[in-house]
Amino acid sequence: MDTRIAVAGGTGLVGTLVVEEVRRAGATPVVVARSRGTDLTTGSGLAEALDGVDAVVDASNVDTLGAKRSIAFFEAATGHLLAAGAAAGVRHHVALSIVGCDRVDLPYYLGKRRQEELVAAGPVPWSVLRATQFHEFAGQLVERSPRPFALAPRMRTQPVAAREVATALVAAALGEPAGQLPDLGGPRVEDMGRMVRDVVRARGTRRLVVPVPMVGRAGRQVGEGGLLPGPGATLGSMTFADWLERV
């Protein structure tokens, strides 16, 4: 029997890799994205997309740093996915979340926190995988910074390869619902300022790396290691340096 796995946000950074991993696992991916006729924020097209689907992997995302927009997106997207999944008889709902979203009060994280609450209280058996920042995050910081600068928040992180996250999500989806899964992080702790400098150097771009302190309560939480994986975490094998050599 053909196993069908729907991938919400299937055209994004992680979602694209999840789709590839689903195929590699011998299952059939169903891409859930606006470009494929589905809208998570309204629920349009979800009933058709989830028809006959065994599991859902939610790798959806919203490009915002604000709490209000983040919460609104994840409330709508998660609510519609869970309702459509229950109606379609989906066996397993797997959500990708962020390490530290339960203990670091960054505005975006409040949306992920709300997503987790909805999944845990929802009608579909579930698993939640929290991952640390991806290796790509340092490059995204460079791209978002106003030239000629590259802004680098002063923070410790344990970045993980997005491919390893995708592999873990598909393995979870093919398995039984397990609730909160162990955190997933990279093999070692890194300094974000150094990561940004390495990206600038590797790209050969003219950027002045500017360390930016993280202030307030969230800054203190990050400084206390709030973004690092917890005890019993699963650690990937690809370091940031290894990843940077391959891109």
Protein backbone atom coordinates (compact mmCIF):
# COMPACT_ATOMS: atom_id res chain seq x y z
CA MET A 1 0.00 0.00 0.00
CA ASP A 2 1.33 3.42 -0.99
CA THR A 3 2.17 5.62 2.00
CA ARG A 4 1.37 9.27 1.39
CA ILE A 5 2.95 11.99 3.51
CA ALA A 6 1.77 15.57 3.20
CA VAL A 7 4.45 18.22 3.70
CA ALA A 8 3.11 21.60 4.77
CA GLY A 9 5.53 24.26 3.66
CA GLY A 10 6.87 21.76 1.16
CA THR A 11 8.50 24.41 -1.02
CA GLY A 12 10.52 26.02 1.79
CA LEU A 13 14.07 25.34 2.97
CA VAL A 14 13.30 22.35 5.17
CA GLY A 15 10.09 21.37 3.39
CA THR A 16 11.88 20.82 0.10
CA LEU A 17 14.35 18.51 1.83
CA VAL A 18 11.51 16.69 3.59
CA VAL A 19 9.86 16.04 0.21
CA GLU A 20 13.14 14.55 -1.06
CA GLU A 21 13.49 12.40 2.07
CA VAL A 22 9.92 11.13 1.72
CA ARG A 23 10.72 9.92 -1.78
CA ARG A 24 13.99 8.40 -0.58
CA ALA A 25 12.04 6.48 2.06
CA GLY A 26 9.82 4.98 -0.64
CA ALA A 27 6.72 6.98 0.23
CA THR A 28 4.78 9.52 -1.82
CA PRO A 29 5.04 13.20 -0.87
CA VAL A 30 2.09 15.58 -1.16
CA VAL A 31 3.32 19.17 -1.25
CA VAL A 32 1.07 21.56 0.68
CA ALA A 33 1.84 25.12 -0.40
CA ARG A 34 0.10 28.10 -1.95
CA SER A 35 1.84 27.42 -5.23
CA ARG A 36 0.13 24.00 -5.23
CA GLY A 37 -3.36 25.36 -4.54
CA THR A 38 -3.53 25.14 -0.74
CA ASP A 39 -3.57 27.99 1.77
CA LEU A 40 -2.84 27.13 5.38
CA THR A 41 -4.06 30.48 6.67
CA THR A 42 -7.56 29.99 5.24
CA GLY A 43 -7.70 26.21 4.93
CA SER A 44 -8.48 26.45 1.23
CA GLY A 45 -7.57 23.26 -0.64
CA LEU A 46 -6.54 21.32 2.46
CA ALA A 47 -9.36 18.77 2.34
CA GLU A 48 -8.35 17.74 -1.17
CA ALA A 49 -4.62 17.77 -0.36
CA LEU A 50 -4.98 15.53 2.71
CA ASP A 51 -7.34 13.01 1.12
CA GLY A 52 -5.73 9.57 1.51
CA VAL A 53 -2.74 10.95 3.44
CA ASP A 54 -1.23 8.79 6.19
CA ALA A 55 0.86 11.46 7.93
CA VAL A 56 1.44 15.21 7.88
CA VAL A 57 4.79 16.90 8.40
CA ASP A 58 4.32 20.57 9.21
CA ALA A 59 7.43 22.50 8.18
CA SER A 60 5.51 25.68 7.44
CA ASN A 61 6.97 29.04 8.33
CA VAL A 62 6.19 32.75 8.27
CA ASP A 63 8.70 35.51 7.52
CA THR A 64 8.26 37.78 10.52
CA LEU A 65 10.03 38.84 13.69
CA GLY A 66 6.82 40.03 15.35
CA ALA A 67 4.90 38.10 17.99
CA LYS A 68 1.43 39.10 16.83
CA ARG A 69 1.92 37.96 13.25
CA SER A 70 3.76 34.81 14.30
CA ILE A 71 1.02 33.75 16.70
CA ALA A 72 -1.71 34.56 14.18
CA PHE A 73 -0.04 32.52 11.44
CA PHE A 74 0.65 29.42 13.53
CA GLU A 75 -2.80 29.49 15.13
CA ALA A 76 -4.46 29.59 11.72
CA ALA A 77 -2.13 27.17 9.93
CA THR A 78 -2.05 24.63 12.74
CA GLY A 79 -5.77 24.82 13.38
CA HIS A 80 -6.62 24.24 9.73
CA LEU A 81 -4.10 21.43 9.34
CA LEU A 82 -5.36 19.61 12.42
CA ALA A 83 -9.03 20.00 11.50
CA ALA A 84 -8.46 18.84 7.92
CA GLY A 85 -6.23 16.02 9.13
CA ALA A 86 -8.85 14.76 11.58
CA ALA A 87 -11.53 14.86 8.88
CA ALA A 88 -9.27 12.96 6.48
CA GLY A 89 -8.33 10.30 9.03
CA VAL A 90 -4.64 11.26 9.16
CA ARG A 91 -2.78 8.84 11.43
CA HIS A 92 0.07 11.07 12.56
CA HIS A 93 0.76 14.83 12.69
CA VAL A 94 4.45 15.80 13.01
CA ALA A 95 5.33 19.43 13.70
CA LEU A 96 8.77 21.00 13.37
CA SER A 97 9.47 23.41 16.21
CA ILE A 98 12.49 25.25 17.66
CA VAL A 99 14.75 24.34 20.55
CA GLY A 100 14.20 26.90 23.29
CA CYS A 101 10.79 28.12 22.14
CA ASP A 102 9.41 27.10 25.54
CA ARG A 103 12.00 29.05 27.54
CA VAL A 104 13.16 31.97 25.37
CA ASP A 105 10.64 34.78 24.93
CA LEU A 106 11.67 35.93 21.46
CA PRO A 107 8.60 37.28 19.65
CA TYR A 108 8.69 34.72 16.84
CA TYR A 109 9.05 31.90 19.34
CA LEU A 110 5.73 32.79 20.92
CA GLY A 111 4.07 31.65 17.72
CA LYS A 112 5.92 28.33 17.81
CA ARG A 113 4.93 27.94 21.45
CA ARG A 114 1.29 28.40 20.47
CA GLN A 115 1.70 25.90 17.63
CA GLU A 116 2.96 23.27 20.06
CA GLU A 117 0.04 23.90 22.41
CA LEU A 118 -2.48 23.40 19.61
CA VAL A 119 -0.82 20.23 18.33
CA ALA A 120 -0.70 18.69 21.82
CA ALA A 121 -4.37 19.49 22.44
CA GLY A 122 -5.52 18.62 18.91
CA PRO A 123 -7.55 15.75 17.49
CA VAL A 124 -4.73 14.00 15.60
CA PRO A 125 -2.06 11.77 17.26
CA TRP A 126 1.11 13.82 17.23
CA SER A 127 4.86 14.24 17.55
CA VAL A 128 6.80 17.50 17.90
CA LEU A 129 10.47 17.78 16.94
CA ARG A 130 12.36 20.81 18.21
CA ALA A 131 15.52 21.58 16.23
CA THR A 132 18.20 24.19 16.78
CA GLN A 133 19.03 26.91 14.23
CA PHE A 134 20.04 25.56 10.85
CA HIS A 135 23.51 26.11 9.41
CA GLU A 136 21.84 28.39 6.86
CA PHE A 137 20.84 30.85 9.59
CA ALA A 138 24.18 32.70 9.57
CA GLY A 139 23.86 33.36 5.85
CA GLN A 140 20.30 34.57 6.30
CA LEU A 141 21.54 37.09 8.84
CA VAL A 142 24.05 38.38 6.31
CA GLU A 143 21.40 38.66 3.60
CA ARG A 144 19.00 40.56 5.88
CA SER A 145 21.62 43.04 7.09
CA PRO A 146 21.89 46.50 5.51
CA ARG A 147 25.05 46.88 3.46
CA PRO A 148 27.92 47.24 4.12
CA PHE A 149 27.24 45.51 7.45
CA ALA A 150 26.58 41.95 8.57
CA LEU A 151 24.77 42.01 11.90
CA ALA A 152 25.55 39.11 14.22
CA PRO A 153 23.64 38.67 17.47
CA ARG A 154 25.86 37.70 20.39
CA MET A 155 24.61 34.22 21.07
CA ARG A 156 25.68 30.63 21.44
CA THR A 157 23.94 28.13 19.24
CA GLN A 158 24.37 24.49 18.28
CA PRO A 159 23.43 24.61 14.60
CA VAL A 160 22.23 21.55 12.74
CA ALA A 161 22.13 20.60 9.07
CA ALA A 162 18.67 21.12 7.59
CA ARG A 163 19.05 17.81 5.75
CA GLU A 164 19.46 15.99 9.06
CA VAL A 165 16.33 17.70 10.38
CA ALA A 166 14.39 16.59 7.30
CA THR A 167 15.57 13.00 7.75
CA ALA A 168 14.46 13.02 11.39
CA LEU A 169 11.04 14.45 10.50
CA VAL A 170 10.36 11.74 7.92
CA ALA A 171 11.53 9.00 10.29
CA ALA A 172 9.14 10.38 12.90
CA ALA A 173 6.26 10.55 10.41
CA LEU A 174 6.74 6.92 9.39
CA GLY A 175 6.83 5.85 13.02
CA GLU A 176 4.23 5.97 15.76
CA PRO A 177 3.09 9.22 17.39
CA ALA A 178 5.46 9.91 20.28
CA GLY A 179 4.53 13.34 21.65
CA GLN A 180 7.51 15.53 22.47
CA LEU A 181 10.59 14.05 20.80
CA PRO A 182 14.15 14.62 22.07
CA ASP A 183 15.68 17.91 20.91
CA LEU A 184 17.73 17.76 17.70
CA GLY A 185 20.90 19.82 17.52
CA GLY A 186 24.20 19.94 15.73
CA PRO A 187 27.41 18.26 16.90
CA ARG A 188 28.93 21.27 18.67
CA VAL A 189 28.27 24.69 20.15
CA GLU A 190 29.16 27.65 17.92
CA ASP A 191 29.42 31.41 18.33
CA MET A 192 27.07 33.20 15.95
CA GLY A 193 29.51 36.07 15.37
CA ARG A 194 32.16 33.64 14.22
CA MET A 195 29.66 31.84 12.00
CA VAL A 196 28.66 35.10 10.32
CA ARG A 197 32.32 36.04 9.78
CA ASP A 198 32.99 32.63 8.24
CA VAL A 199 30.04 33.05 5.85
CA VAL A 200 31.23 36.53 4.80
CA ARG A 201 34.74 35.20 4.21
CA ALA A 202 33.51 32.15 2.29
CA ARG A 203 31.33 34.30 0.03
CA GLY A 204 34.08 36.81 -0.59
CA THR A 205 31.72 39.69 0.11
CA ARG A 206 32.68 43.09 1.49
CA ARG A 207 30.81 43.20 4.77
CA LEU A 208 31.72 44.56 8.18
CA VAL A 209 30.58 42.09 10.82
CA VAL A 210 28.93 43.96 13.68
CA PRO A 211 28.22 42.08 16.93
CA VAL A 212 24.78 42.94 18.28
CA PRO A 213 24.04 42.31 21.97
CA MET A 214 20.76 40.60 22.80
CA VAL A 215 19.08 42.69 25.48
CA GLY A 216 16.14 42.31 27.83
CA ARG A 217 14.63 39.14 29.22
CA ALA A 218 15.07 37.19 25.97
CA GLY A 219 18.73 38.23 25.87
CA ARG A 220 19.27 36.90 29.38
CA GLN A 221 17.51 33.67 28.48
CA VAL A 222 19.72 33.21 25.42
CA GLY A 223 22.81 34.03 27.47
CA GLU A 224 21.85 31.30 29.92
CA GLY A 225 21.93 28.74 27.11
CA GLY A 226 18.24 28.85 26.25
CA LEU A 227 18.86 28.04 22.59
CA LEU A 228 21.02 24.98 23.25
CA PRO A 229 19.54 21.46 23.13
CA GLY A 230 18.50 19.89 26.41
CA PRO A 231 19.58 16.67 28.13
CA GLY A 232 19.07 13.55 26.05
CA ALA A 233 19.15 15.48 22.77
CA THR A 234 19.88 13.80 19.47
CA LEU A 235 22.93 15.33 17.80
CA GLY A 236 23.60 15.46 14.09
CA SER A 237 26.99 14.74 12.55
CA MET A 238 27.59 17.65 10.15
CA THR A 239 29.43 20.60 11.69
CA PHE A 240 28.99 24.16 10.49
CA ALA A 241 32.51 24.08 8.99
CA ASP A 242 31.70 20.89 7.08
CA TRP A 243 28.49 22.41 5.78
CA LEU A 244 30.17 25.65 4.72
CA GLU A 245 32.71 23.73 2.65
CA ARG A 246 29.90 22.09 0.67
CA VAL A 247 27.78 25.12 -0.22
